[in-house]
Amino acid sequence: MSTVLLIIHLFVTLALIGVVLIQRSEGGGLGIGSSQGMGSFMSGRGTANLLTRTTAILAVIFMLLSLTLALLDRGTSATPGRSLLDTPAPTSTPAPPPPAAPSGPSAPTN
């Protein structure tokens, strides 16, 4: 179930990004909101209203899917009921000292 919702969430995210990029900004941007881009299908104002509604609908779907996925994933952590911030940070232990060299002169070997 969670995998299916995650795939739908991915598609909604990509659609939302695309719709936002298509919209006409104050300076023109990447928008196709003029009558030249759409032919005689819709006026510039009609295109803006359609894209605004589409953005709002996709944003609501995106938020609902995000909340649903967060609630579904709530109980699947390795340590249920504990926060990541509750666990102590791993401490590094100091390296053991090197073995001590024998003291005094060593006897020559023949």
C-alpha atoms as a PDB file:
ATOM      1  CA  MET A   1       0.000   0.000   0.000  1.00  0.00           C
ATOM      2  CA  SER A   2       2.757   2.387   0.961  1.00  0.00           C
ATOM      3  CA  THR A   3       4.635   1.680  -2.274  1.00  0.00           C
ATOM      4  CA  VAL A   4       1.582   2.475  -4.388  1.00  0.00           C
ATOM      5  CA  LEU A   5       1.003   5.723  -2.499  1.00  0.00           C
ATOM      6  CA  LEU A   6       4.666   6.624  -2.892  1.00  0.00           C
ATOM      7  CA  ILE A   7       4.488   6.132  -6.669  1.00  0.00           C
ATOM      8  CA  ILE A   8       1.305   8.233  -6.863  1.00  0.00           C
ATOM      9  CA  HIS A   9       3.042  10.849  -4.719  1.00  0.00           C
ATOM     10  CA  LEU A  10       5.940  10.918  -7.172  1.00  0.00           C
ATOM     11  CA  PHE A  11       3.597  11.480 -10.129  1.00  0.00           C
ATOM     12  CA  VAL A  12       1.700  14.224  -8.293  1.00  0.00           C
ATOM     13  CA  THR A  13       5.000  15.890  -7.402  1.00  0.00           C
ATOM     14  CA  LEU A  14       6.186  15.856 -11.014  1.00  0.00           C
ATOM     15  CA  ALA A  15       2.829  17.172 -12.229  1.00  0.00           C
ATOM     16  CA  LEU A  16       2.903  19.959  -9.636  1.00  0.00           C
ATOM     17  CA  ILE A  17       6.408  20.977 -10.700  1.00  0.00           C
ATOM     18  CA  GLY A  18       5.339  20.980 -14.355  1.00  0.00           C
ATOM     19  CA  VAL A  19       2.209  23.039 -13.753  1.00  0.00           C
ATOM     20  CA  VAL A  20       4.109  25.606 -11.701  1.00  0.00           C
ATOM     21  CA  LEU A  21       6.762  25.956 -14.402  1.00  0.00           C
ATOM     22  CA  ILE A  22       4.125  26.391 -17.130  1.00  0.00           C
ATOM     23  CA  GLN A  23       2.433  29.289 -15.344  1.00  0.00           C
ATOM     24  CA  ARG A  24       3.149  32.762 -16.576  1.00  0.00           C
ATOM     25  CA  SER A  25       5.119  34.809 -14.108  1.00  0.00           C
ATOM     26  CA  GLU A  26       5.179  38.595 -13.808  1.00  0.00           C
ATOM     27  CA  GLY A  27       8.088  38.803 -16.222  1.00  0.00           C
ATOM     28  CA  GLY A  28       6.900  36.179 -18.682  1.00  0.00           C
ATOM     29  CA  GLY A  29       9.203  33.347 -17.569  1.00  0.00           C
ATOM     30  CA  LEU A  30       8.454  29.928 -18.999  1.00  0.00           C
ATOM     31  CA  GLY A  31       4.726  30.611 -19.166  1.00  0.00           C
ATOM     32  CA  ILE A  32       2.494  29.677 -22.081  1.00  0.00           C
ATOM     33  CA  GLY A  33      -0.293  31.862 -20.760  1.00  0.00           C
ATOM     34  CA  SER A  34      -0.477  34.096 -23.813  1.00  0.00           C
ATOM     35  CA  SER A  35      -2.887  33.569 -26.668  1.00  0.00           C
ATOM     36  CA  GLN A  36      -0.001  32.895 -29.048  1.00  0.00           C
ATOM     37  CA  GLY A  37       1.072  29.794 -27.118  1.00  0.00           C
ATOM     38  CA  MET A  38      -2.375  28.283 -26.833  1.00  0.00           C
ATOM     39  CA  GLY A  39      -3.779  29.301 -30.201  1.00  0.00           C
ATOM     40  CA  SER A  40      -7.433  30.192 -29.982  1.00  0.00           C
ATOM     41  CA  PHE A  41      -8.221  27.459 -27.459  1.00  0.00           C
ATOM     42  CA  MET A  42      -8.371  29.667 -24.376  1.00  0.00           C
ATOM     43  CA  SER A  43      -7.731  33.276 -23.553  1.00  0.00           C
ATOM     44  CA  GLY A  44      -4.771  34.291 -21.399  1.00  0.00           C
ATOM     45  CA  ARG A  45      -7.036  34.816 -18.416  1.00  0.00           C
ATOM     46  CA  GLY A  46      -8.752  31.450 -18.851  1.00  0.00           C
ATOM     47  CA  THR A  47      -5.404  29.687 -19.006  1.00  0.00           C
ATOM     48  CA  ALA A  48      -4.245  31.420 -15.836  1.00  0.00           C
ATOM     49  CA  ASN A  49      -7.426  30.410 -13.993  1.00  0.00           C
ATOM     50  CA  LEU A  50      -7.105  26.795 -15.153  1.00  0.00           C
ATOM     51  CA  LEU A  51      -3.454  26.589 -14.120  1.00  0.00           C
ATOM     52  CA  THR A  52      -4.182  28.220 -10.760  1.00  0.00           C
ATOM     53  CA  ARG A  53      -6.950  25.728 -10.006  1.00  0.00           C
ATOM     54  CA  THR A  54      -4.802  22.825 -11.157  1.00  0.00           C
ATOM     55  CA  THR A  55      -1.943  23.999  -8.931  1.00  0.00           C
ATOM     56  CA  ALA A  56      -4.254  24.282  -5.926  1.00  0.00           C
ATOM     57  CA  ILE A  57      -5.754  20.826  -6.490  1.00  0.00           C
ATOM     58  CA  LEU A  58      -2.347  19.210  -6.970  1.00  0.00           C
ATOM     59  CA  ALA A  59      -1.025  20.985  -3.869  1.00  0.00           C
ATOM     60  CA  VAL A  60      -3.890  19.640  -1.757  1.00  0.00           C
ATOM     61  CA  ILE A  61      -3.360  16.111  -3.120  1.00  0.00           C
ATOM     62  CA  PHE A  62       0.382  16.448  -2.460  1.00  0.00           C
ATOM     63  CA  MET A  63      -0.179  17.466   1.172  1.00  0.00           C
ATOM     64  CA  LEU A  64      -2.738  14.724   1.812  1.00  0.00           C
ATOM     65  CA  LEU A  65      -0.439  12.085   0.336  1.00  0.00           C
ATOM     66  CA  SER A  66       2.479  13.419   2.387  1.00  0.00           C
ATOM     67  CA  LEU A  67       0.485  13.202   5.610  1.00  0.00           C
ATOM     68  CA  THR A  68      -0.840   9.749   4.737  1.00  0.00           C
ATOM     69  CA  LEU A  69       2.632   8.417   3.983  1.00  0.00           C
ATOM     70  CA  ALA A  70       3.972   9.922   7.205  1.00  0.00           C
ATOM     71  CA  LEU A  71       1.195   8.297   9.240  1.00  0.00           C
ATOM     72  CA  LEU A  72       1.684   4.933   7.549  1.00  0.00           C
ATOM     73  CA  ASP A  73       5.421   5.025   8.173  1.00  0.00           C
ATOM     74  CA  ARG A  74       5.015   6.105  11.774  1.00  0.00           C
ATOM     75  CA  GLY A  75       5.354   2.656  13.334  1.00  0.00           C
ATOM     76  CA  THR A  76       7.956   1.041  11.104  1.00  0.00           C
ATOM     77  CA  SER A  77      11.137   2.506  12.589  1.00  0.00           C
ATOM     78  CA  ALA A  78      13.819   0.294  14.129  1.00  0.00           C
ATOM     79  CA  THR A  79      13.144   1.599  17.640  1.00  0.00           C
ATOM     80  CA  PRO A  80       9.405   2.218  17.948  1.00  0.00           C
ATOM     81  CA  GLY A  81       8.336   4.842  20.426  1.00  0.00           C
ATOM     82  CA  ARG A  82      11.749   6.468  20.599  1.00  0.00           C
ATOM     83  CA  SER A  83      12.966   9.549  18.859  1.00  0.00           C
ATOM     84  CA  LEU A  84      16.176   9.707  16.922  1.00  0.00           C
ATOM     85  CA  LEU A  85      17.185  12.545  19.211  1.00  0.00           C
ATOM     86  CA  ASP A  86      16.710  10.356  22.309  1.00  0.00           C
ATOM     87  CA  THR A  87      19.513   7.969  21.382  1.00  0.00           C
ATOM     88  CA  PRO A  88      22.942   9.002  22.624  1.00  0.00           C
ATOM     89  CA  ALA A  89      25.558   9.835  20.065  1.00  0.00           C
ATOM     90  CA  PRO A  90      28.148   7.111  19.552  1.00  0.00           C
ATOM     91  CA  THR A  91      31.322   7.927  21.413  1.00  0.00           C
ATOM     92  CA  SER A  92      34.669   7.048  20.006  1.00  0.00           C
ATOM     93  CA  THR A  93      36.960   5.118  22.322  1.00  0.00           C
ATOM     94  CA  PRO A  94      40.605   6.109  22.406  1.00  0.00           C
ATOM     95  CA  ALA A  95      43.021   3.806  20.645  1.00  0.00           C
ATOM     96  CA  PRO A  96      44.993   1.496  22.950  1.00  0.00           C
ATOM     97  CA  PRO A  97      48.581   2.585  23.549  1.00  0.00           C
ATOM     98  CA  PRO A  98      51.248   0.819  21.483  1.00  0.00           C
ATOM     99  CA  PRO A  99      53.097  -2.030  23.192  1.00  0.00           C
ATOM    100  CA  ALA A 100      56.040  -0.858  25.264  1.00  0.00           C
ATOM    101  CA  ALA A 101      59.523  -1.521  23.873  1.00  0.00           C
ATOM    102  CA  PRO A 102      61.825  -3.545  26.131  1.00  0.00           C
ATOM    103  CA  SER A 103      64.123  -1.320  28.139  1.00  0.00           C
ATOM    104  CA  GLY A 104      67.888  -1.706  28.346  1.00  0.00           C
ATOM    105  CA  PRO A 105      70.488  -2.851  25.853  1.00  0.00           C
ATOM    106  CA  SER A 106      69.767  -5.980  23.936  1.00  0.00           C
ATOM    107  CA  ALA A 107      72.300  -8.786  23.679  1.00  0.00           C
ATOM    108  CA  PRO A 108      73.906  -9.374  20.296  1.00  0.00           C
ATOM    109  CA  THR A 109      72.802 -12.535  18.559  1.00  0.00           C
ATOM    110  CA  ASN A 110      75.359 -14.875  16.887  1.00  0.00           C
END
